[in-house]
């Protein structure tokens, strides 16, 4: 089926429904919570998993079934870091040997480091997952989340400060 992928209803609610189209009230609602980390993640991927889970769980943006998508993002993150290390070690441009018909090296030419190409590919994959989880500035700007009760402004303080300016009558 061509066209854009539909947004999940929870994401549409957070972003606001600009088109005023009816929301899918029969969409499955998986339990909100921390997914189980797969054991086969590499060390950098595990570190990134813990970082992301710690940030998204309190916002209610992770469900217990998001583990595979999050693992794929973390794997892409680790591969991206490894590719970037290879670029730092070998440079963006590398020498490629040139051989004649007899198999004797007759020179070399410069070419883009394959690790740099891999780095860019992993970055695109990471970005697609970051957007899915609402972790880019653009995707986050479309979200609307209720602030926790403790973060509401005190009405008296708002009255006294009136837009950040102190009340002249109290000074």
Protein backbone atom coordinates (compact mmCIF):
# COMPACT_ATOMS: atom_id res chain seq x y z
CA UNK A 1 0.00 0.00 0.00
CA UNK A 2 1.71 3.26 -1.11
CA UNK A 3 1.72 6.46 0.91
CA UNK A 4 2.83 7.49 4.35
CA UNK A 5 2.86 5.06 7.22
CA UNK A 6 0.09 5.85 9.69
CA UNK A 7 1.16 7.34 13.01
CA UNK A 8 0.27 5.45 16.16
CA UNK A 9 -2.73 6.95 17.94
CA UNK A 10 -0.71 7.73 21.07
CA UNK A 11 1.73 9.74 18.94
CA UNK A 12 -1.17 11.54 17.21
CA UNK A 13 -2.62 12.42 20.62
CA UNK A 14 0.74 13.76 21.81
CA UNK A 15 1.23 15.79 18.63
CA UNK A 16 -2.33 17.02 18.44
CA UNK A 17 -4.61 16.04 15.57
CA UNK A 18 -4.20 18.97 13.19
CA UNK A 19 -6.34 17.32 10.49
CA UNK A 20 -9.14 16.58 12.98
CA UNK A 21 -9.44 13.10 11.58
CA UNK A 22 -11.01 10.54 13.88
CA UNK A 23 -8.58 8.66 16.09
CA UNK A 24 -8.39 4.88 15.91
CA UNK A 25 -10.14 3.82 19.11
CA UNK A 26 -9.49 0.14 18.35
CA UNK A 27 -5.71 0.41 18.10
CA UNK A 28 -3.92 -2.09 20.36
CA UNK A 29 -2.46 -0.47 23.47
CA UNK A 30 0.55 -2.45 24.67
CA UNK A 31 1.45 -2.06 28.33
CA UNK A 32 3.62 0.96 29.02
CA UNK A 33 6.88 -0.01 30.63
CA UNK A 34 10.48 -0.98 30.19
CA UNK A 35 11.12 -3.65 27.55
CA UNK A 36 13.51 -6.49 28.33
CA UNK A 37 17.03 -5.89 27.01
CA UNK A 38 18.18 -8.64 24.62
CA UNK A 39 21.28 -10.52 25.82
CA UNK A 40 22.99 -10.41 22.41
CA UNK A 41 23.63 -6.64 22.34
CA UNK A 42 27.24 -5.50 22.29
CA UNK A 43 28.73 -3.42 25.12
CA UNK A 44 28.11 -0.01 23.51
CA UNK A 45 24.60 -1.04 22.49
CA UNK A 46 23.83 -2.11 26.07
CA UNK A 47 25.10 1.20 27.38
CA UNK A 48 22.93 3.10 24.88
CA UNK A 49 19.93 0.89 25.75
CA UNK A 50 20.21 1.81 29.43
CA UNK A 51 20.55 5.50 28.57
CA UNK A 52 17.51 5.55 26.27
CA UNK A 53 15.31 3.46 28.56
CA UNK A 54 16.13 5.76 31.49
CA UNK A 55 14.99 8.76 29.45
CA UNK A 56 11.90 7.37 27.68
CA UNK A 57 10.34 5.24 30.42
CA UNK A 58 9.43 8.17 32.72
CA UNK A 59 7.79 9.91 29.73
CA UNK A 60 5.58 6.86 29.10
CA UNK A 61 6.95 6.57 25.57
CA UNK A 62 8.12 2.95 25.81
CA UNK A 63 6.02 -0.16 25.93
CA UNK A 64 7.07 -3.63 26.92
CA UNK A 65 6.89 -4.74 23.26
CA UNK A 66 9.27 -2.06 21.93
CA UNK A 67 12.35 -4.16 22.71
CA UNK A 68 13.21 -5.27 19.17
CA UNK A 69 12.92 -1.78 17.69
CA UNK A 70 14.99 -0.34 20.53
CA UNK A 71 17.55 -3.14 20.16
CA UNK A 72 17.82 -2.41 16.43
CA UNK A 73 18.46 1.26 17.20
CA UNK A 74 21.10 0.36 19.81
CA UNK A 75 22.82 -2.03 17.40
CA UNK A 76 22.87 0.70 14.74
CA UNK A 77 24.32 3.11 17.32
CA UNK A 78 27.14 0.71 18.19
CA UNK A 79 27.92 0.03 14.52
CA UNK A 80 27.92 3.77 13.79
CA UNK A 81 30.40 4.41 16.63
CA UNK A 82 32.66 1.58 15.40
CA UNK A 83 32.58 2.89 11.84
CA UNK A 84 33.45 6.39 13.07
CA UNK A 85 36.41 5.02 15.00
CA UNK A 86 37.66 3.35 11.80
CA UNK A 87 37.34 6.68 9.97
CA UNK A 88 39.31 8.46 12.70
CA UNK A 89 42.04 5.79 12.57
CA UNK A 90 42.32 5.51 8.75
CA UNK A 91 40.94 8.85 7.56
CA UNK A 92 38.07 9.72 5.24
CA UNK A 93 40.17 8.89 2.18
CA UNK A 94 42.23 5.68 1.84
CA UNK A 95 44.65 4.38 -0.77
CA UNK A 96 43.45 1.51 -2.91
CA UNK A 97 46.15 -0.51 -4.70
CA UNK A 98 46.04 -0.83 -8.47
CA UNK A 99 47.20 -4.16 -9.97
CA UNK A 100 48.16 -5.04 -13.55
CA UNK A 101 46.99 -8.19 -15.39
CA UNK A 102 49.80 -10.23 -13.82
CA UNK A 103 48.67 -9.27 -10.31
CA UNK A 104 51.59 -6.95 -9.63
CA UNK A 105 50.80 -3.71 -7.83
CA UNK A 106 51.56 -0.83 -10.18
CA UNK A 107 50.27 2.07 -8.10
CA UNK A 108 47.40 3.22 -6.00
CA UNK A 109 44.44 5.56 -6.13
CA UNK A 110 42.55 7.45 -3.44
CA UNK A 111 39.00 6.49 -2.60
CA UNK A 112 36.47 7.22 0.10
CA UNK A 113 36.97 5.11 3.19
CA UNK A 114 34.32 2.33 3.17
CA UNK A 115 33.96 2.88 6.93
CA UNK A 116 32.75 6.41 6.19
CA UNK A 117 30.13 5.04 3.82
CA UNK A 118 29.07 2.54 6.51
CA UNK A 119 28.96 5.32 9.10
CA UNK A 120 26.54 7.33 6.96
CA UNK A 121 24.33 4.26 6.41
CA UNK A 122 24.17 3.51 10.14
CA UNK A 123 23.39 7.17 10.83
CA UNK A 124 20.36 7.04 8.51
CA UNK A 125 19.11 3.88 10.23
CA UNK A 126 19.62 5.47 13.65
CA UNK A 127 17.72 8.59 12.60
CA UNK A 128 14.72 6.57 11.44
CA UNK A 129 14.53 4.86 14.85
CA UNK A 130 15.10 8.13 16.70
CA UNK A 131 12.14 9.65 14.86
CA UNK A 132 9.99 6.61 15.68
CA UNK A 133 10.74 7.01 19.39
CA UNK A 134 10.26 10.82 19.29
CA UNK A 135 13.92 11.51 20.06
CA UNK A 136 14.80 14.15 17.46
CA UNK A 137 14.18 17.87 17.99
CA UNK A 138 11.75 17.91 15.07
CA UNK A 139 9.75 14.85 16.16
CA UNK A 140 9.80 16.04 19.79
CA UNK A 141 8.47 19.48 18.83
CA UNK A 142 5.32 17.77 17.58
CA UNK A 143 4.67 16.02 20.91
CA UNK A 144 2.45 17.34 23.68
CA UNK A 145 2.97 15.86 27.10
CA UNK A 146 1.23 16.74 30.33
CA UNK A 147 3.67 18.09 32.87
CA UNK A 148 3.90 16.22 36.19
CA UNK A 149 1.78 17.74 38.97
CA UNK A 150 4.85 19.04 40.84
CA UNK A 151 5.97 21.16 37.88
CA UNK A 152 2.87 23.35 37.70
CA UNK A 153 3.42 27.04 38.38
CA UNK A 154 2.21 28.36 41.67
CA UNK A 155 -0.67 30.80 40.87
CA UNK A 156 0.49 33.20 43.60
CA UNK A 157 4.06 33.17 42.22
CA UNK A 158 2.74 33.80 38.71
CA UNK A 159 0.68 36.71 40.01
CA UNK A 160 3.64 38.19 41.87
CA UNK A 161 6.12 37.80 39.01
CA UNK A 162 3.75 38.73 36.15
CA UNK A 163 5.79 37.45 33.24
CA UNK A 164 9.11 37.34 35.05
CA UNK A 165 8.99 40.96 36.32
CA UNK A 166 8.89 41.48 40.05
CA UNK A 167 5.98 43.36 41.57
CA UNK A 168 7.05 46.99 42.10
CA UNK A 169 4.77 47.38 45.11
CA UNK A 170 6.73 44.86 47.18
CA UNK A 171 10.19 46.42 46.73
